[in-house]
Amino acid sequence: MKHLFPFRVYEAGTSVLTPRQEAFLNSCTKKTWSVNPGTGLVDVRGNFNCGNRRLNTLLGISFGQVRGEFFCHNNRLTTLEGAPQTVGKNFYCPNNQLTSLIGAPQTVSGVFRCENNQLTTLEGAPQTVNENFFCGNNRLTTLEGAPQTVGGHFYCDDNRLTTLEGAPQTVGGIFVCGNNQLTSLEGAPQTVGGNFSCYNNQLTSLVGAPLTVDGYFHCYANYLTSLVGAPQTVGGDFHCENNQYLTSLVGAPQTVGGIFQSDSFELDPGEWNPSGWVKILSTGKPAARKLMKTLPYLQPDWWNSELQRDPGKTVHLLSSCWNRMPGEMKSQIVIPPGYGDEFGLFSGFDDLGLF
């Protein structure tokens, strides 16, 4: 929904701009502004910058189209009345005293920044932002009104959010919702092209998180008891430390491209695999071994299921960890006939079941 203020600075062919307003426009542009005779609004062919001027208002001027950037940051604005309807590049209004985005442009081709204000709602925000959207360090309790498509990053950290309902469902870059009061990730974007950070909340579950995160996934400093709901593919690091109630790795990602960090153990890039898991089982401290034993991918039933599904690949995986694998686990793994001899990987097959 568009929230536009009806004020005009130009009517019936006669400018109503005051000398102060004209001087203000000249100082904030390179004299590339003009009054549009069709709309009565001020259009700017380049950039407009009125940042750092201690302004309480935009001096009663209403803007139409700004082809470049519009900067009104570091002022004392309490409203966006008069802000342009369309911005060709970036729109910056951080570090003001805004409580609402009503009046903000509905089309922003670049970055939209409104962090460090007093916003309690995102009503009035543009619904499509081609690049980044920053609304951190406000007083938001909900993301209702947020753009539904963000081509770059979306930051809503350091607010008072208890839910992600209303969040954009497609984020091309990073999504950060840390330092809030979230108890659930329901409503989180399901497509994230970069990192996903939900650290320092009150989460007891990761249900609602995207299934795939191309970058890192940070869920540290919460109240998780397991990793149920975690993305199954993480391209970068996975950090779940500072979760004092985490006693189970059920739900852990199948693939982690970077570091896996928990309170009990850390695995380096390339170690989140059977070889790394069994290394923790054989050489880790008691707390690490206890936690690792809960990983479903190390259970004999999982190995047996994979051996039936793809015996060649699974026997190859076993080669990397067999010598460190506990005897009680080995005894429950059923190797298909012929595969042990083919790869020449194991000794002592007499104690294994064959099918």
Protein backbone atom coordinates (compact mmCIF):
# COMPACT_ATOMS: atom_id res chain seq x y z
CA MET A 1 0.00 0.00 0.00
CA LYS A 2 1.31 3.44 -0.88
CA HIS A 3 1.31 6.15 1.78
CA LEU A 4 1.67 9.46 0.01
CA PHE A 5 1.19 12.92 1.41
CA PRO A 6 -0.94 15.23 -0.76
CA PHE A 7 1.07 18.41 -0.18
CA ARG A 8 2.21 20.17 -3.39
CA VAL A 9 4.76 22.93 -3.89
CA TYR A 10 3.57 23.94 -7.34
CA GLU A 11 0.05 24.71 -8.43
CA ALA A 12 -1.51 26.40 -11.48
CA GLY A 13 1.83 27.24 -13.06
CA THR A 14 3.10 29.34 -10.16
CA SER A 15 5.89 28.20 -7.86
CA VAL A 16 5.18 28.46 -4.14
CA LEU A 17 8.73 27.66 -3.11
CA THR A 18 10.16 30.19 -0.69
CA PRO A 19 13.66 31.60 -1.10
CA ARG A 20 14.71 29.46 1.90
CA GLN A 21 13.39 26.31 0.23
CA GLU A 22 15.13 27.13 -3.05
CA ALA A 23 18.39 27.80 -1.24
CA PHE A 24 17.99 24.53 0.64
CA LEU A 25 17.43 22.59 -2.60
CA ASN A 26 20.44 24.23 -4.23
CA SER A 27 22.67 23.37 -1.27
CA CYS A 28 21.52 19.73 -1.25
CA THR A 29 21.89 19.17 -4.99
CA LYS A 30 24.01 20.50 -7.81
CA LYS A 31 21.05 22.66 -8.84
CA THR A 32 19.66 19.65 -10.68
CA TRP A 33 16.18 20.02 -9.21
CA SER A 34 13.04 21.33 -10.84
CA VAL A 35 9.35 21.55 -10.07
CA ASN A 36 7.38 19.13 -12.19
CA PRO A 37 4.47 21.11 -13.71
CA GLY A 38 2.37 17.98 -14.05
CA THR A 39 2.61 16.81 -10.45
CA GLY A 40 3.59 19.90 -8.51
CA LEU A 41 6.42 17.88 -6.92
CA VAL A 42 10.15 18.55 -6.88
CA ASP A 43 12.11 16.18 -9.11
CA VAL A 44 15.88 15.78 -8.89
CA ARG A 45 17.93 14.64 -11.87
CA GLY A 46 20.89 13.58 -9.70
CA ASN A 47 21.49 13.11 -5.95
CA PHE A 48 19.95 14.87 -2.97
CA ASN A 49 21.81 15.02 0.35
CA CYS A 50 20.50 16.88 3.40
CA GLY A 51 22.27 14.71 5.97
CA ASN A 52 23.83 16.06 9.17
CA ARG A 53 21.78 19.29 9.29
CA ARG A 54 19.74 18.82 12.48
CA LEU A 55 16.55 19.01 10.43
CA ASN A 56 13.18 18.35 12.02
CA THR A 57 11.40 18.34 8.62
CA LEU A 58 12.15 18.56 4.91
CA LEU A 59 11.11 22.23 5.10
CA GLY A 60 7.67 21.55 3.65
CA ILE A 61 9.03 20.37 0.29
CA SER A 62 7.45 17.34 -1.39
CA PHE A 63 9.63 15.33 -3.75
CA GLY A 64 8.47 13.23 -6.68
CA GLN A 65 11.25 11.43 -8.50
CA VAL A 66 14.92 11.43 -7.51
CA ARG A 67 17.00 9.73 -10.17
CA GLY A 68 20.07 9.33 -7.98
CA GLU A 69 20.42 8.94 -4.21
CA PHE A 70 18.35 10.55 -1.46
CA PHE A 71 20.14 11.07 1.86
CA CYS A 72 18.41 12.54 4.91
CA HIS A 73 20.42 10.71 7.58
CA ASN A 74 21.73 12.06 10.90
CA ASN A 75 18.95 14.57 11.50
CA ARG A 76 16.02 14.86 13.89
CA LEU A 77 13.25 13.83 11.51
CA THR A 78 10.13 12.36 13.08
CA THR A 79 8.33 11.82 9.77
CA LEU A 80 9.16 11.14 6.12
CA GLU A 81 6.48 13.53 4.92
CA GLY A 82 7.62 14.94 1.57
CA ALA A 83 10.10 12.14 0.80
CA PRO A 84 10.35 11.12 -2.87
CA GLN A 85 7.98 8.55 -4.32
CA THR A 86 10.66 6.98 -6.49
CA VAL A 87 14.43 6.79 -5.93
CA GLY A 88 16.72 5.63 -8.71
CA LYS A 89 19.53 4.52 -6.39
CA ASN A 90 19.81 4.54 -2.58
CA PHE A 91 17.54 5.96 0.11
CA TYR A 92 19.13 6.68 3.52
CA CYS A 93 17.20 7.90 6.57
CA PRO A 94 19.10 6.31 9.50
CA ASN A 95 19.94 8.09 12.75
CA ASN A 96 16.79 10.14 13.04
CA GLN A 97 13.79 9.98 15.38
CA LEU A 98 11.37 8.26 13.00
CA THR A 99 8.54 6.18 14.45
CA SER A 100 7.04 5.27 11.08
CA LEU A 101 8.08 4.81 7.45
CA ILE A 102 4.83 6.20 6.09
CA GLY A 103 5.78 8.55 3.28
CA ALA A 104 8.87 6.54 2.27
CA PRO A 105 9.45 5.86 -1.42
CA GLN A 106 7.70 2.77 -2.73
CA THR A 107 10.32 2.09 -5.38
CA VAL A 108 14.00 1.97 -4.43
CA SER A 109 16.43 0.61 -6.99
CA GLY A 110 19.37 0.50 -4.60
CA VAL A 111 19.80 0.32 -0.80
CA PHE A 112 17.15 1.32 1.78
CA ARG A 113 18.51 2.24 5.23
CA CYS A 114 16.35 3.19 8.20
CA GLU A 115 18.38 1.80 11.12
CA ASN A 116 18.94 3.66 14.41
CA ASN A 117 15.52 5.25 14.64
CA GLN A 118 12.52 4.66 16.91
CA LEU A 119 10.48 2.55 14.49
CA THR A 120 7.83 0.28 15.96
CA THR A 121 6.53 -0.84 12.58
CA LEU A 122 7.71 -1.16 8.98
CA GLU A 123 4.39 0.03 7.60
CA GLY A 124 5.11 2.25 4.62
CA ALA A 125 8.35 0.50 3.63
CA PRO A 126 8.93 -0.23 -0.07
CA GLN A 127 7.81 -3.74 -1.00
CA THR A 128 10.67 -4.38 -3.38
CA VAL A 129 14.27 -3.34 -2.72
CA ASN A 130 16.79 -4.30 -5.37
CA GLU A 131 19.79 -4.23 -3.04
CA ASN A 132 20.04 -4.07 0.78
CA PHE A 133 17.46 -3.24 3.47
CA PHE A 134 18.67 -2.20 6.94
CA CYS A 135 16.21 -1.67 9.81
CA GLY A 136 18.37 -2.67 12.78
CA ASN A 137 18.49 -0.94 16.16
CA ASN A 138 14.89 0.21 16.26
CA ARG A 139 11.94 -0.81 18.45
CA LEU A 140 10.35 -3.30 16.09
CA THR A 141 8.28 -6.13 17.54
CA THR A 142 7.13 -7.38 14.13
CA LEU A 143 8.32 -7.34 10.53
CA GLU A 144 4.85 -6.80 9.11
CA GLY A 145 5.18 -4.30 6.28
CA ALA A 146 8.72 -5.36 5.36
CA PRO A 147 9.62 -5.72 1.67
CA GLN A 148 8.88 -9.23 0.44
CA THR A 149 11.75 -9.30 -2.03
CA VAL A 150 15.23 -8.03 -1.16
CA GLY A 151 17.93 -8.50 -3.77
CA GLY A 152 20.81 -8.01 -1.31
CA HIS A 153 21.08 -8.14 2.49
CA PHE A 154 18.32 -7.80 5.11
CA TYR A 155 19.32 -6.71 8.62
CA CYS A 156 16.71 -6.51 11.39
CA ASP A 157 19.08 -7.11 14.31
CA ASP A 158 18.95 -5.28 17.64
CA ASN A 159 15.20 -4.85 17.82
CA ARG A 160 12.48 -6.36 20.02
CA LEU A 161 11.22 -8.97 17.58
CA THR A 162 9.39 -11.97 18.97
CA THR A 163 8.50 -13.39 15.55
CA LEU A 164 9.75 -13.30 11.96
CA GLU A 165 6.26 -13.27 10.50
CA GLY A 166 6.24 -10.68 7.73
CA ALA A 167 9.92 -11.15 6.85
CA PRO A 168 10.90 -11.19 3.18
CA GLN A 169 10.68 -14.69 1.74
CA THR A 170 13.49 -14.15 -0.73
CA VAL A 171 16.79 -12.57 0.33
CA GLY A 172 19.58 -12.56 -2.22
CA GLY A 173 22.35 -11.91 0.32
CA ILE A 174 22.70 -12.00 4.10
CA PHE A 175 19.80 -12.27 6.59
CA VAL A 176 20.53 -11.13 10.16
CA CYS A 177 17.95 -11.22 12.96
CA GLY A 178 20.33 -11.49 15.93
CA ASN A 179 19.91 -9.69 19.26
CA ASN A 180 16.14 -9.88 19.41
CA GLN A 181 13.63 -11.81 21.52
CA LEU A 182 12.75 -14.51 19.00
CA THR A 183 11.35 -17.78 20.28
CA SER A 184 10.80 -19.24 16.80
CA LEU A 185 12.15 -18.92 13.25
CA GLU A 186 8.72 -19.47 11.71
CA GLY A 187 8.29 -16.89 8.97
CA ALA A 188 12.01 -16.72 8.13
CA PRO A 189 12.97 -16.44 4.46
CA GLN A 190 13.21 -19.81 2.77
CA THR A 191 15.72 -18.64 0.20
CA VAL A 192 18.91 -16.96 1.45
CA GLY A 193 21.79 -16.39 -0.92
CA GLY A 194 24.36 -15.51 1.75
CA ASN A 195 24.66 -15.89 5.53
CA PHE A 196 21.86 -16.48 8.05
CA SER A 197 22.34 -15.23 11.62
CA CYS A 198 19.85 -15.71 14.44
CA TYR A 199 22.27 -15.49 17.36
CA ASN A 200 21.43 -14.16 20.83
CA ASN A 201 17.70 -14.78 20.89
CA GLN A 202 15.47 -17.07 22.94
CA LEU A 203 15.21 -19.89 20.42
CA THR A 204 14.54 -23.42 21.64
CA SER A 205 14.23 -24.81 18.10
CA LEU A 206 15.46 -24.00 14.59
CA VAL A 207 12.21 -25.03 12.94
CA GLY A 208 11.42 -22.47 10.25
CA ALA A 209 15.03 -21.92 9.15
CA PRO A 210 15.81 -22.17 5.43
CA LEU A 211 16.78 -25.64 4.20
CA THR A 212 19.85 -24.31 2.37
CA VAL A 213 22.17 -21.45 3.33
CA ASP A 214 24.96 -20.64 0.89
CA GLY A 215 27.04 -18.79 3.50
CA TYR A 216 27.47 -19.34 7.22
CA PHE A 217 24.71 -20.16 9.74
CA HIS A 218 25.00 -18.65 13.24
CA CYS A 219 22.57 -19.81 15.92
CA TYR A 220 24.82 -19.38 18.94
CA ALA A 221 23.67 -17.92 22.28
CA ASN A 222 20.16 -19.33 22.36
CA TYR A 223 18.34 -22.04 24.33
CA LEU A 224 18.50 -24.87 21.80
CA THR A 225 18.18 -28.47 23.00
CA SER A 226 18.73 -30.01 19.55
CA LEU A 227 19.37 -28.85 15.98
CA VAL A 228 15.99 -29.93 14.63
CA GLY A 229 15.01 -27.51 11.85
CA ALA A 230 18.57 -26.51 10.95
CA PRO A 231 19.44 -26.08 7.27
CA GLN A 232 20.67 -29.33 5.78
CA THR A 233 23.22 -27.65 3.56
CA VAL A 234 25.46 -24.85 4.87
CA GLY A 235 28.12 -23.49 2.55
CA GLY A 236 30.18 -21.78 5.26
CA ASP A 237 30.63 -22.10 9.02
CA PHE A 238 27.99 -23.49 11.39
CA HIS A 239 28.12 -21.99 14.89
CA CYS A 240 25.88 -23.36 17.64
CA GLU A 241 28.04 -22.64 20.69
CA ASN A 242 26.72 -20.94 23.85
CA ASN A 243 23.60 -23.13 23.87
CA GLN A 244 23.93 -24.59 27.35
CA TYR A 245 20.93 -26.91 26.92
CA LEU A 246 22.12 -28.45 23.63
CA THR A 247 22.30 -32.20 24.32
CA SER A 248 21.49 -33.60 20.88
CA LEU A 249 22.79 -33.18 17.32
CA VAL A 250 19.56 -34.50 15.86
CA GLY A 251 18.69 -32.25 12.92
CA ALA A 252 22.32 -31.22 12.27
CA PRO A 253 23.24 -30.30 8.70
CA GLN A 254 24.34 -33.05 6.37
CA THR A 255 26.83 -30.73 4.70
CA VAL A 256 28.92 -27.95 6.27
CA GLY A 257 31.52 -26.28 4.07
CA GLY A 258 33.34 -24.43 6.85
CA ILE A 259 33.91 -24.80 10.59
CA PHE A 260 31.42 -26.62 12.82
CA GLN A 261 31.57 -25.03 16.26
CA SER A 262 29.75 -26.20 19.39
CA ASP A 263 30.53 -25.85 23.09
CA SER A 264 31.92 -29.40 23.19
CA PHE A 265 34.01 -29.61 20.04
CA GLU A 266 35.14 -27.85 16.87
CA LEU A 267 35.71 -29.37 13.44
CA ASP A 268 37.75 -27.53 10.83
CA PRO A 269 36.63 -26.94 7.23
CA GLY A 270 36.45 -30.26 5.43
CA GLU A 271 36.01 -32.26 8.66
CA TRP A 272 32.21 -32.33 8.88
CA ASN A 273 32.11 -35.88 7.54
CA PRO A 274 32.38 -39.44 8.90
CA SER A 275 36.13 -39.15 9.37
CA GLY A 276 35.79 -35.99 11.47
CA TRP A 277 32.84 -37.33 13.43
CA VAL A 278 34.64 -40.55 14.34
CA LYS A 279 37.75 -38.54 15.27
CA ILE A 280 35.67 -36.80 17.95
CA LEU A 281 34.29 -40.18 19.10
CA SER A 282 37.78 -41.61 19.49
CA THR A 283 39.86 -38.63 20.70
CA GLY A 284 37.39 -36.04 21.97
CA LYS A 285 36.76 -35.16 25.58
CA PRO A 286 33.89 -36.98 27.34
CA ALA A 287 31.38 -34.16 26.72
CA ALA A 288 32.32 -34.07 23.04
CA ARG A 289 32.00 -37.85 22.66
CA LYS A 290 28.66 -37.83 24.43
CA LEU A 291 27.26 -35.14 22.13
CA MET A 292 28.70 -36.71 18.98
CA LYS A 293 27.03 -40.05 19.80
CA THR A 294 23.67 -38.32 19.27
CA LEU A 295 24.47 -37.49 15.64
CA PRO A 296 22.06 -39.57 13.52
CA TYR A 297 24.64 -39.99 10.74
CA LEU A 298 26.82 -42.05 13.10
CA GLN A 299 24.14 -44.52 14.10
CA PRO A 300 24.50 -48.06 12.71
CA ASP A 301 20.96 -47.88 11.32
CA TRP A 302 21.97 -44.86 9.21
CA TRP A 303 25.08 -46.61 7.88
CA ASN A 304 23.09 -49.75 7.04
CA SER A 305 20.46 -47.72 5.24
CA GLU A 306 23.13 -45.92 3.18
CA LEU A 307 24.90 -49.20 2.44
CA GLN A 308 21.70 -50.57 0.94
CA ARG A 309 21.03 -47.38 -1.00
CA ASP A 310 24.55 -46.79 -2.36
CA PRO A 311 26.99 -49.47 -1.14
CA GLY A 312 29.97 -48.33 -3.22
CA LYS A 313 29.93 -44.75 -2.03
CA THR A 314 29.15 -45.67 1.57
CA VAL A 315 31.92 -48.25 1.85
CA HIS A 316 34.29 -45.56 0.58
CA LEU A 317 33.08 -43.24 3.35
CA LEU A 318 33.62 -45.98 5.90
CA SER A 319 37.23 -46.25 4.77
CA SER A 320 37.99 -42.84 6.21
CA CYS A 321 36.81 -43.65 9.70
CA TRP A 322 36.73 -47.42 10.17
CA ASN A 323 39.93 -47.74 12.20
CA ARG A 324 38.70 -45.16 14.73
CA MET A 325 35.14 -46.40 14.91
CA PRO A 326 34.10 -47.98 18.23
CA GLY A 327 33.91 -51.76 18.12
CA GLU A 328 30.30 -51.80 19.27
CA MET A 329 29.35 -49.69 16.25
CA LYS A 330 31.35 -51.82 13.83
CA SER A 331 29.62 -54.94 15.00
CA GLN A 332 26.21 -53.55 14.02
CA ILE A 333 27.17 -52.43 10.50
CA VAL A 334 26.31 -54.92 7.75
CA ILE A 335 28.74 -54.78 4.81
CA PRO A 336 27.44 -56.03 1.44
CA PRO A 337 29.25 -59.13 0.12
CA GLY A 338 32.31 -58.37 -1.97
CA TYR A 339 32.70 -54.70 -1.12
CA GLY A 340 35.25 -55.17 1.60
CA ASP A 341 37.50 -57.22 -0.70
CA GLU A 342 36.95 -54.84 -3.64
CA PHE A 343 38.18 -51.78 -1.78
CA GLY A 344 40.65 -53.63 0.44
CA LEU A 345 39.79 -51.26 3.22
CA PHE A 346 38.99 -53.31 6.26
CA SER A 347 40.37 -56.20 8.23
CA GLY A 348 38.49 -58.46 10.55
CA PHE A 349 35.30 -58.78 8.49
CA ASP A 350 34.63 -62.00 10.34
CA ASP A 351 32.94 -60.04 13.11
CA LEU A 352 30.63 -58.25 10.67
CA GLY A 353 27.28 -59.33 9.39
CA LEU A 354 27.02 -59.82 5.63
CA PHE A 355 23.90 -59.75 3.47
